[in-house]
Protein backbone atom coordinates (compact mmCIF):
# COMPACT_ATOMS: atom_id res chain seq x y z
CA MET A 1 0.02 0.22 -21.54
CA GLN A 2 -0.57 3.24 -17.74
CA ILE A 3 2.45 4.81 -16.69
CA GLN A 4 1.91 7.30 -14.04
CA ILE A 5 4.65 9.22 -13.50
CA THR A 6 6.37 9.34 -9.93
CA SER A 7 9.20 11.75 -9.80
CA THR A 8 10.99 14.13 -11.58
CA ASN A 9 14.94 15.21 -11.33
CA VAL A 10 15.21 18.90 -12.82
CA GLN A 11 18.88 19.56 -13.71
CA TYR A 12 19.10 23.49 -14.00
CA ARG A 13 21.99 25.13 -15.89
CA GLU A 14 22.00 28.75 -15.36
CA ASP A 15 18.84 29.05 -13.91
CA GLU A 16 17.11 27.36 -16.97
CA VAL A 17 16.44 23.72 -17.54
CA SER A 18 19.25 21.53 -19.17
CA SER A 19 17.46 17.85 -18.82
CA VAL A 20 15.04 16.49 -16.97
CA SER A 21 15.16 12.77 -15.21
CA VAL A 22 10.90 11.23 -15.33
CA SER A 23 11.13 8.11 -13.05
CA PHE A 24 7.96 6.09 -13.73
CA ASN A 25 5.83 2.58 -13.74
CA GLY A 26 3.70 1.34 -16.03
CA ARG A 27 1.25 -1.45 -16.28
CA ASP A 28 -1.10 -3.23 -18.53
CA PRO A 29 -4.41 -3.02 -17.92
CA GLU A 30 -4.46 -6.94 -17.26
CA ARG A 31 -2.02 -5.98 -14.48
CA GLN A 32 0.55 -9.16 -16.09
CA VAL A 33 3.16 -6.69 -17.11
CA ASN A 34 4.95 -4.14 -14.96
CA LEU A 35 7.50 -1.45 -15.60
CA ASN A 36 9.25 0.83 -13.27
CA GLY A 37 12.38 3.13 -14.49
CA ARG A 38 13.73 6.35 -15.10
CA ILE A 39 14.62 7.77 -18.54
CA PRO A 40 16.37 10.72 -19.24
CA ILE A 41 15.14 13.13 -21.26
CA THR A 42 16.33 16.89 -22.78
CA ALA A 43 14.79 20.25 -21.27
CA GLU A 44 13.02 21.23 -25.53
CA GLU A 45 11.40 17.64 -24.53
CA TYR A 46 10.80 18.66 -20.92
CA ASN A 47 9.97 22.33 -21.90
CA GLY A 48 5.51 22.51 -23.43
CA ASN A 49 5.42 18.73 -21.43
CA SER A 50 5.99 19.87 -18.14
CA SER A 51 1.96 18.35 -16.72
CA LEU A 52 1.72 14.14 -15.36
CA PRO A 53 -0.58 13.35 -18.88
CA ALA A 54 1.87 14.83 -21.38
CA LEU A 55 5.53 12.94 -19.54
CA ALA A 56 3.64 9.83 -19.32
CA LYS A 57 2.95 10.13 -23.84
CA VAL A 58 6.97 11.11 -23.20
CA VAL A 59 7.80 8.50 -21.08
CA LYS A 60 5.93 5.94 -23.23
CA ARG A 61 7.32 7.10 -27.10
CA LYS A 62 10.49 6.86 -25.03
CA LEU A 63 9.58 2.92 -24.05
CA ILE A 64 8.77 2.63 -27.81
CA GLU A 65 12.32 3.53 -29.12
CA ARG A 66 14.38 1.63 -26.73
CA LEU A 67 12.35 -1.51 -27.42
CA GLU A 68 12.20 -0.78 -31.07
CA LEU A 69 15.98 -0.79 -30.65
CA GLU A 70 16.71 -3.26 -29.02
CA GLU A 71 15.02 -4.65 -31.38
CA GLU A 72 16.70 -3.65 -34.56
CA SER A 73 20.20 -5.18 -33.08
CA GLU A 74 19.24 -8.61 -32.23
């Protein structure tokens, strides 16, 4: 799955990052599955991962976590 970061909305509190909302698009290599949305991440997750490739990895991890939680609740 290829994830492309389309925007980040960084929230600050007292001159420090408090949270970040990462918007993304994604697709599989065959272009049969398309995703898009917004993933909230914490300041800790953002710090050290602010480059686009690093943010894409964080988004992938968060998507996998959500999919696994959904499976567990079924």
